Amino acid sequence: MSKIYVIGAGVEGQEGFSRRALELVQGADLLCGGERQLELFPEFSGEKLTVGSNLAQVVERLKQAKGRVVVLASGDPLFFGIGRYLLRNLSAERLEFVPNVSSVQYAFAKIKEPWDDAVFVSAHGRGLKGAVDRIVANDKAAILTDEVNTPAAIAAELIHRGRDGYAAYLCEDLGTAQEKITTTDVKGLLEIKAAPLNVLILIKEYEGEGDAYVPTLGIPDEEFATIKKLITKEEVRVVTLAKLKLRHDMCLWDVGSGSGSVSIEADHLLPNGRIFAIERNEQCVDFIKQNLRKFNARNITLVEGDAPECLENLPDPDRVFIGGSGGNLWKILEAVDARLLAEGRIVLNSVTLDTLTAATEFFDNAGYQVEVTTVNISRTRALTDYKMFEAYNPVFIIAAVKG
């Protein structure tokens, strides 16, 4: 079978190609690419095939092709490009990649900013919420937008989450006569109708109260905005997190999030993960928003609504913490059981024997391995000249592993 050369086109047009890349194109029998790439070679005399939304047909043509085949792509074909699709549908032995400077590299060079510590996000592949999840989890992000998930739409979602503390660099029509780079902030993006071809770079600027507190495991209760009865106590929180056995890239549901304290502590244990803080109480929702801003929470998405109904559109969890059930414990456990991945863990905190009994009954019937830990906490408090202990209600921590 013939070799297929996948060659990246730089932002500067034909002069951006290496000598080898030009020789490969000139000697090709079949030249494939988008309209903009094919226009770079108006004098090419062989067969041309335009690549657009017809990727399946293009792959079928490539499978049957004889002679030298060249596929033109933008920048680095393996960086949010056609390279991934070709590798999924063609033998890797047939493919050879010749990368060029990507639009993202070019954009960072233009704004004179290092890019080795940035995260790269394609809004087209993830959708708006998925893209913003990645953005808020990092200090520096380069986003490839599309006609729906525009820079303005991304800015609106960031503002909605209260996560607008970024410097913004909108890089439009790079490498063309219309090239334009606008330096603004997230709110400023709302006023800009961006060109279809753009790279958006966001760089976090920590400011306000979020910069004043660097949390460690076991954040003091008083640091959280909360209804006092609806917070998992500091010591219980630490044991709960230990029982969850989190790994860096897991998906965690925090059902009945209350103040969001467990989610916020877990955020620093899941640097590459996703956390969904689920809460129905409007007052608690307001407190969670305050706490997310204060602690610069990165991987947490607030989900407002009643469980289990609001769980339907969330990604399947690796771990689930249930801090409150609103009287729907059995229904929540049924919904979680249907979605929890194999060997996943559910950790449930209870202060009543009724909840303890109901939960253990469910887990036993569903074939889970169950462990119950009772945590009794007493803290010193100053009364007179002596320190005395004040006892809190015992908490039952139920850890269940799906068989």
Protein backbone atom coordinates (compact mmCIF):
# COMPACT_ATOMS: atom_id res chain seq x y z
CA MET A 1 0.00 0.00 0.00
CA SER A 2 1.14 3.54 -0.70
CA LYS A 3 2.59 5.81 1.96
CA ILE A 4 0.43 8.68 3.22
CA TYR A 5 2.28 11.83 4.26
CA VAL A 6 0.32 14.10 6.60
CA ILE A 7 1.92 17.52 6.33
CA GLY A 8 1.18 20.49 8.54
CA ALA A 9 0.73 23.91 6.99
CA GLY A 10 2.08 26.77 9.06
CA VAL A 11 0.34 30.08 9.63
CA GLU A 12 2.57 31.91 7.12
CA GLY A 13 1.42 30.12 3.98
CA GLN A 14 3.62 28.19 1.56
CA GLU A 15 6.81 29.86 2.76
CA GLY A 16 6.28 28.15 6.11
CA PHE A 17 6.84 24.67 4.62
CA SER A 18 10.20 22.95 4.89
CA ARG A 19 12.05 21.94 1.73
CA ARG A 20 11.19 18.28 2.34
CA ALA A 21 7.49 19.09 2.76
CA LEU A 22 7.44 20.99 -0.54
CA GLU A 23 9.20 18.12 -2.31
CA LEU A 24 6.64 15.66 -0.95
CA VAL A 25 3.77 17.81 -2.19
CA GLN A 26 5.32 18.32 -5.62
CA GLY A 27 5.82 14.57 -6.06
CA ALA A 28 2.33 13.60 -4.87
CA ASP A 29 -0.19 11.78 -7.03
CA LEU A 30 -3.08 12.70 -4.71
CA LEU A 31 -3.21 15.90 -2.65
CA CYS A 32 -5.89 16.18 0.05
CA GLY A 33 -6.67 19.09 2.33
CA GLY A 34 -9.04 21.84 3.28
CA GLU A 35 -9.80 24.57 0.77
CA ARG A 36 -7.35 26.98 2.43
CA GLN A 37 -4.52 24.43 2.32
CA LEU A 38 -5.18 23.40 -1.29
CA GLU A 39 -5.17 27.05 -2.38
CA LEU A 40 -1.50 27.20 -1.33
CA PHE A 41 -0.65 24.97 -4.32
CA PRO A 42 -2.60 26.36 -7.32
CA GLU A 43 -0.12 24.88 -9.80
CA PHE A 44 -0.38 21.29 -8.51
CA SER A 45 -1.24 19.13 -11.52
CA GLY A 46 -2.20 15.86 -9.81
CA GLU A 47 -5.51 14.83 -8.32
CA LYS A 48 -6.92 17.06 -5.57
CA LEU A 49 -9.46 16.04 -2.93
CA THR A 50 -11.08 18.62 -0.66
CA VAL A 51 -11.38 17.59 2.98
CA GLY A 52 -14.25 18.95 5.03
CA SER A 53 -17.06 17.15 6.80
CA ASN A 54 -16.56 14.20 4.42
CA LEU A 55 -13.88 12.49 6.51
CA ALA A 56 -15.38 9.02 6.16
CA GLN A 57 -15.33 9.29 2.35
CA VAL A 58 -11.79 10.68 2.42
CA VAL A 59 -10.59 7.70 4.45
CA GLU A 60 -12.19 5.27 1.99
CA ARG A 61 -10.40 7.06 -0.86
CA LEU A 62 -7.09 6.90 1.01
CA LYS A 63 -7.49 3.18 1.60
CA GLN A 64 -7.68 2.61 -2.16
CA ALA A 65 -5.07 5.19 -3.18
CA LYS A 66 -1.96 4.20 -5.12
CA GLY A 67 1.19 6.23 -5.55
CA ARG A 68 2.24 9.03 -3.23
CA VAL A 69 -0.53 10.58 -1.13
CA VAL A 70 -0.21 13.85 0.76
CA VAL A 71 -2.78 15.11 3.25
CA LEU A 72 -2.43 18.78 4.18
CA ALA A 73 -3.49 19.85 7.67
CA SER A 74 -3.16 22.93 9.86
CA GLY A 75 -0.04 23.29 12.01
CA ASP A 76 0.69 20.01 13.78
CA PRO A 77 -1.68 17.33 12.41
CA LEU A 78 -1.56 15.50 15.77
CA PHE A 79 -2.55 18.58 17.77
CA PHE A 80 -6.35 18.71 17.68
CA GLY A 81 -6.02 17.87 14.01
CA ILE A 82 -6.91 15.25 11.44
CA GLY A 83 -4.00 13.05 12.55
CA ARG A 84 -5.97 11.44 15.38
CA TYR A 85 -8.83 10.51 13.03
CA LEU A 86 -6.47 9.03 10.46
CA LEU A 87 -4.68 6.94 13.11
CA ARG A 88 -8.03 5.53 14.25
CA ASN A 89 -9.04 4.52 10.73
CA LEU A 90 -5.80 3.69 8.91
CA SER A 91 -2.74 1.61 9.64
CA ALA A 92 -0.10 3.62 11.49
CA GLU A 93 2.54 2.00 9.27
CA ARG A 94 1.09 3.81 6.25
CA LEU A 95 1.18 7.21 7.91
CA GLU A 96 4.09 9.62 8.26
CA PHE A 97 3.59 12.97 9.96
CA VAL A 98 5.46 16.15 9.05
CA PRO A 99 4.43 18.78 11.64
CA ASN A 100 4.58 22.53 11.31
CA VAL A 101 4.17 25.43 13.75
CA SER A 102 0.64 25.30 15.18
CA SER A 103 -1.60 28.31 15.55
CA VAL A 104 -1.33 27.94 19.33
CA GLN A 105 2.48 28.08 19.26
CA TYR A 106 2.32 31.09 16.97
CA ALA A 107 -0.20 32.84 19.24
CA PHE A 108 1.97 32.39 22.34
CA ALA A 109 4.97 33.72 20.42
CA LYS A 110 2.97 36.78 19.42
CA ILE A 111 1.97 37.62 23.00
CA LYS A 112 5.51 36.74 24.21
CA GLU A 113 4.37 34.21 26.77
CA PRO A 114 5.86 30.75 27.51
CA TRP A 115 3.43 27.95 26.67
CA ASP A 116 5.03 24.84 28.17
CA ASP A 117 2.87 25.21 31.31
CA ALA A 118 -0.43 25.77 29.49
CA VAL A 119 -3.36 23.41 29.04
CA PHE A 120 -4.83 23.11 25.54
CA VAL A 121 -8.57 22.87 25.07
CA SER A 122 -10.72 22.35 22.01
CA ALA A 123 -14.20 23.73 22.65
CA HIS A 124 -15.40 21.92 19.54
CA GLY A 125 -14.54 18.54 21.01
CA ARG A 126 -15.68 19.11 24.60
CA GLY A 127 -18.56 21.54 24.35
CA LEU A 128 -18.86 24.70 26.40
CA LYS A 129 -19.15 23.25 29.92
CA GLY A 130 -16.43 20.66 29.33
CA ALA A 131 -14.08 23.30 27.94
CA VAL A 132 -14.65 25.65 30.89
CA ASP A 133 -14.15 22.74 33.33
CA ARG A 134 -10.64 22.36 31.92
CA ILE A 135 -9.98 26.11 31.88
CA VAL A 136 -10.84 26.73 35.54
CA ALA A 137 -8.70 23.77 36.54
CA ASN A 138 -5.57 25.51 35.27
CA ASP A 139 -3.74 28.82 35.49
CA LYS A 140 -3.03 29.12 31.78
CA ALA A 141 -5.16 27.84 28.90
CA ALA A 142 -5.18 28.05 25.12
CA ILE A 143 -8.63 27.42 23.65
CA LEU A 144 -9.54 26.55 20.09
CA THR A 145 -13.07 27.90 19.76
CA ASP A 146 -15.79 27.25 17.20
CA GLU A 147 -18.84 29.01 15.79
CA VAL A 148 -21.02 27.96 18.76
CA ASN A 149 -18.52 27.96 21.63
CA THR A 150 -17.17 31.41 20.86
CA PRO A 151 -14.82 33.47 23.06
CA ALA A 152 -17.86 35.46 24.20
CA ALA A 153 -19.75 32.27 25.12
CA ILE A 154 -16.76 30.96 27.06
CA ALA A 155 -16.47 34.30 28.86
CA ALA A 156 -20.17 34.22 29.79
CA GLU A 157 -19.80 30.73 31.30
CA LEU A 158 -16.71 31.80 33.28
CA ILE A 159 -18.57 34.83 34.63
CA HIS A 160 -21.58 32.65 35.51
CA ARG A 161 -19.28 30.46 37.61
CA GLY A 162 -17.64 33.46 39.23
CA ARG A 163 -14.30 32.49 37.67
CA ASP A 164 -13.51 35.56 35.57
CA GLY A 165 -10.08 36.42 37.03
CA TYR A 166 -8.16 35.85 33.79
CA ALA A 167 -6.21 38.10 31.46
CA ALA A 168 -7.46 37.35 27.95
CA TYR A 169 -5.60 37.42 24.64
CA LEU A 170 -7.80 36.98 21.59
CA CYS A 171 -5.65 36.09 18.58
CA GLU A 172 -7.61 36.30 15.31
CA ASP A 173 -6.76 35.39 11.70
CA LEU A 174 -3.17 34.56 12.56
CA GLY A 175 -0.67 34.74 9.69
CA THR A 176 -3.01 36.69 7.42
CA ALA A 177 -3.24 40.34 6.47
CA GLN A 178 -6.18 40.60 8.89
CA GLU A 179 -4.20 39.29 11.86
CA LYS A 180 -5.37 40.93 15.07
CA ILE A 181 -4.43 40.37 18.72
CA THR A 182 -6.63 41.93 21.41
CA THR A 183 -5.56 42.11 25.04
CA THR A 184 -8.52 42.36 27.42
CA ASP A 185 -10.15 40.55 30.33
CA VAL A 186 -12.96 38.01 30.51
CA LYS A 187 -15.68 40.64 30.71
CA GLY A 188 -14.17 42.43 27.74
CA LEU A 189 -14.59 39.30 25.61
CA LEU A 190 -18.36 39.68 25.91
CA GLU A 191 -18.21 42.76 23.69
CA ILE A 192 -16.10 41.19 20.92
CA LYS A 193 -17.47 39.31 17.92
CA ALA A 194 -14.44 37.19 17.14
CA ALA A 195 -13.33 36.06 13.70
CA PRO A 196 -14.06 32.38 12.98
CA LEU A 197 -10.31 31.60 12.97
CA ASN A 198 -9.05 32.45 16.43
CA VAL A 199 -7.04 31.21 19.39
CA LEU A 200 -8.08 32.39 22.85
CA ILE A 201 -5.41 32.46 25.57
CA LEU A 202 -6.44 32.91 29.20
CA ILE A 203 -3.92 33.48 31.99
CA LYS A 204 -5.09 33.43 35.58
CA GLU A 205 -4.58 36.55 37.67
CA TYR A 206 -5.17 35.59 41.30
CA GLU A 207 -6.71 38.46 43.19
CA GLY A 208 -9.04 39.29 46.07
CA GLU A 209 -9.81 36.94 48.95
CA GLY A 210 -9.02 33.85 46.88
CA ASP A 211 -5.33 34.73 47.03
CA ALA A 212 -5.29 35.03 50.80
CA TYR A 213 -5.78 31.40 51.74
CA VAL A 214 -3.80 28.38 50.58
CA PRO A 215 -5.74 25.37 51.90
CA THR A 216 -4.21 22.23 53.34
CA LEU A 217 -5.94 18.96 54.21
CA GLY A 218 -8.28 19.64 57.12
CA ILE A 219 -9.42 23.20 56.47
CA PRO A 220 -10.82 24.72 59.70
CA ASP A 221 -14.61 24.79 59.73
CA GLU A 222 -14.72 28.53 60.36
CA GLU A 223 -13.04 29.20 57.00
CA PHE A 224 -16.19 28.11 55.18
CA ALA A 225 -19.31 30.15 54.61
CA THR A 226 -22.00 27.74 55.74
CA ILE A 227 -25.08 26.87 57.72
CA LYS A 228 -23.38 25.47 60.83
CA LYS A 229 -25.38 22.26 60.94
CA LEU A 230 -24.70 21.54 57.26
CA ILE A 231 -20.94 21.21 57.23
CA THR A 232 -18.89 18.04 57.52
CA LYS A 233 -16.63 18.72 60.49
CA GLU A 234 -12.93 19.12 59.84
CA GLU A 235 -11.82 15.84 61.42
CA VAL A 236 -14.69 13.87 59.87
CA ARG A 237 -13.88 15.42 56.51
CA VAL A 238 -10.31 14.14 56.63
CA VAL A 239 -11.40 10.60 57.49
CA THR A 240 -14.08 10.76 54.78
CA LEU A 241 -11.51 11.71 52.16
CA ALA A 242 -9.27 8.88 53.31
CA LYS A 243 -12.14 6.40 52.91
CA LEU A 244 -12.89 7.69 49.40
CA LYS A 245 -9.36 6.67 48.31
CA LEU A 246 -9.14 9.28 45.57
CA ARG A 247 -6.72 9.13 42.65
CA HIS A 248 -5.64 12.16 40.68
CA ASP A 249 -7.89 11.70 37.62
CA MET A 250 -11.16 10.42 39.10
CA CYS A 251 -14.71 11.71 38.76
CA LEU A 252 -16.34 12.44 42.13
CA TRP A 253 -20.00 13.16 42.88
CA ASP A 254 -20.60 15.08 46.13
CA VAL A 255 -24.33 14.60 46.75
CA GLY A 256 -25.83 16.97 49.29
CA SER A 257 -22.77 19.17 49.19
CA GLY A 258 -23.90 21.59 51.93
CA SER A 259 -21.03 24.07 52.16
CA GLY A 260 -18.97 22.31 49.48
CA SER A 261 -16.25 21.57 52.06
CA VAL A 262 -15.66 17.96 50.96
CA SER A 263 -15.54 18.97 47.29
CA ILE A 264 -13.10 21.78 48.03
CA GLU A 265 -10.77 19.50 49.99
CA ALA A 266 -11.03 16.85 47.27
CA ASP A 267 -10.20 19.44 44.62
CA HIS A 268 -6.57 19.44 45.71
CA LEU A 269 -6.44 15.63 45.65
CA LEU A 270 -7.86 15.43 42.12
CA PRO A 271 -5.66 17.77 40.03
CA ASN A 272 -6.71 16.01 36.82
CA GLY A 273 -10.16 14.92 37.93
CA ARG A 274 -13.71 16.27 37.90
CA ILE A 275 -15.91 17.01 40.89
CA PHE A 276 -19.65 17.70 40.84
CA ALA A 277 -21.03 19.39 43.95
CA ILE A 278 -24.76 18.66 44.00
CA GLU A 279 -27.04 20.76 46.20
CA ARG A 280 -30.74 21.70 46.21
CA ASN A 281 -30.88 24.18 49.12
CA GLU A 282 -30.73 27.72 47.68
CA GLN A 283 -29.00 29.17 50.74
CA CYS A 284 -26.38 26.41 50.62
CA VAL A 285 -25.89 27.03 46.90
CA ASP A 286 -25.00 30.65 47.65
CA PHE A 287 -22.52 29.53 50.32
CA ILE A 288 -20.95 27.00 47.94
CA LYS A 289 -20.42 29.72 45.33
CA GLN A 290 -18.70 31.90 47.93
CA ASN A 291 -16.46 29.03 49.02
CA LEU A 292 -15.53 28.07 45.47
CA ARG A 293 -14.36 31.62 44.86
CA LYS A 294 -12.53 31.87 48.17
CA PHE A 295 -10.54 28.68 47.72
CA ASN A 296 -9.94 29.06 43.97
CA ALA A 297 -11.60 25.68 43.37
CA ARG A 298 -10.53 24.44 39.96
CA ASN A 299 -12.17 21.15 39.10
CA ILE A 300 -15.55 21.64 40.77
CA THR A 301 -18.84 22.09 38.91
CA LEU A 302 -21.83 23.20 40.98
CA VAL A 303 -25.01 21.29 40.12
CA GLU A 304 -28.18 22.88 41.48
CA GLY A 305 -31.16 20.56 41.85
CA ASP A 306 -32.73 17.55 43.49
CA ALA A 307 -30.95 14.21 43.47
CA PRO A 308 -31.40 11.74 41.90
CA GLU A 309 -33.10 13.64 39.04
CA CYS A 310 -30.20 16.04 38.47
CA LEU A 311 -27.64 13.22 38.25
CA GLU A 312 -28.82 12.02 34.86
CA ASN A 313 -26.58 14.21 32.69
CA LEU A 314 -23.41 13.88 34.78
CA PRO A 315 -20.52 11.65 33.67
CA ASP A 316 -20.32 8.26 35.41
CA PRO A 317 -18.51 8.54 38.75
CA ASP A 318 -15.53 6.66 40.14
CA ARG A 319 -16.35 7.86 43.65
CA VAL A 320 -19.49 9.19 45.33
CA PHE A 321 -19.80 10.99 48.65
CA ILE A 322 -23.29 11.39 50.11
CA GLY A 323 -23.41 14.01 52.82
CA GLY A 324 -27.16 14.56 52.66
CA SER A 325 -30.07 12.89 50.92
CA GLY A 326 -33.08 15.07 51.67
CA GLY A 327 -35.16 12.00 52.53
CA ASN A 328 -34.42 10.34 49.16
CA LEU A 329 -31.59 8.08 50.29
CA TRP A 330 -32.85 4.85 48.75
CA LYS A 331 -33.61 6.47 45.36
CA ILE A 332 -30.23 8.21 45.35
CA LEU A 333 -28.41 4.97 46.13
CA GLU A 334 -30.30 3.16 43.34
CA ALA A 335 -29.34 5.89 40.86
CA VAL A 336 -25.72 5.93 42.01
CA ASP A 337 -25.48 2.12 41.90
CA ALA A 338 -26.67 2.13 38.28
CA ARG A 339 -23.94 4.60 37.27
CA LEU A 340 -20.99 3.82 39.54
CA LEU A 341 -18.07 2.19 37.76
CA ALA A 342 -16.90 -1.27 38.75
CA GLU A 343 -14.85 -1.27 41.98
CA GLY A 344 -16.08 2.26 42.60
CA ARG A 345 -16.60 3.54 46.14
CA ILE A 346 -19.51 5.20 47.87
CA VAL A 347 -18.86 6.95 51.17
CA LEU A 348 -21.88 8.06 53.17
CA ASN A 349 -21.85 10.01 56.43
CA SER A 350 -24.69 9.52 58.88
CA VAL A 351 -25.49 10.93 62.31
CA THR A 352 -28.60 8.77 62.81
CA LEU A 353 -29.05 5.04 63.28
CA ASP A 354 -31.94 5.16 60.80
CA THR A 355 -29.69 6.29 57.95
CA LEU A 356 -26.97 3.86 59.02
CA THR A 357 -29.44 0.95 58.98
CA ALA A 358 -31.01 1.92 55.64
CA ALA A 359 -27.67 2.41 53.92
CA THR A 360 -26.08 -0.82 55.14
CA GLU A 361 -29.24 -2.73 54.17
CA PHE A 362 -29.06 -1.35 50.64
CA PHE A 363 -25.35 -2.11 50.26
CA ASP A 364 -25.75 -5.64 51.60
CA ASN A 365 -28.60 -6.36 49.18
CA ALA A 366 -26.63 -4.86 46.26
CA GLY A 367 -23.52 -6.94 46.92
CA TYR A 368 -21.18 -4.20 48.12
CA GLN A 369 -18.30 -4.72 50.53
CA VAL A 370 -19.15 -2.51 53.48
CA GLU A 371 -17.09 -1.00 56.29
CA VAL A 372 -18.52 1.31 58.95
CA THR A 373 -16.33 3.61 61.02
CA THR A 374 -17.64 5.57 63.99
CA VAL A 375 -15.91 8.90 64.58
CA ASN A 376 -16.27 10.56 67.98
CA ILE A 377 -14.83 14.06 68.19
CA SER A 378 -14.23 16.23 71.22
CA ARG A 379 -12.55 19.61 71.02
CA THR A 380 -11.19 21.77 73.79
CA ARG A 381 -12.92 25.02 74.54
CA ALA A 382 -12.02 27.67 77.05
CA LEU A 383 -14.60 28.10 79.79
CA THR A 384 -12.74 29.77 82.62
CA ASP A 385 -9.10 29.28 83.49
CA TYR A 386 -9.37 25.63 82.49
CA LYS A 387 -9.72 23.92 79.15
CA MET A 388 -12.55 21.44 78.83
CA PHE A 389 -13.68 19.12 76.07
CA GLU A 390 -16.86 19.71 74.12
CA ALA A 391 -18.16 16.54 72.49
CA TYR A 392 -19.84 16.43 69.09
CA ASN A 393 -22.39 13.87 67.98
CA PRO A 394 -20.77 10.67 66.72
CA VAL A 395 -20.68 10.26 62.93
CA PHE A 396 -20.99 6.93 61.15
CA ILE A 397 -18.80 6.82 58.03
CA ILE A 398 -20.04 4.07 55.73
CA ALA A 399 -17.61 3.04 52.98
CA ALA A 400 -18.99 0.67 50.35
CA VAL A 401 -17.09 -0.87 47.44
CA LYS A 402 -19.00 -2.05 44.37
CA GLY A 403 -18.36 -5.70 43.63
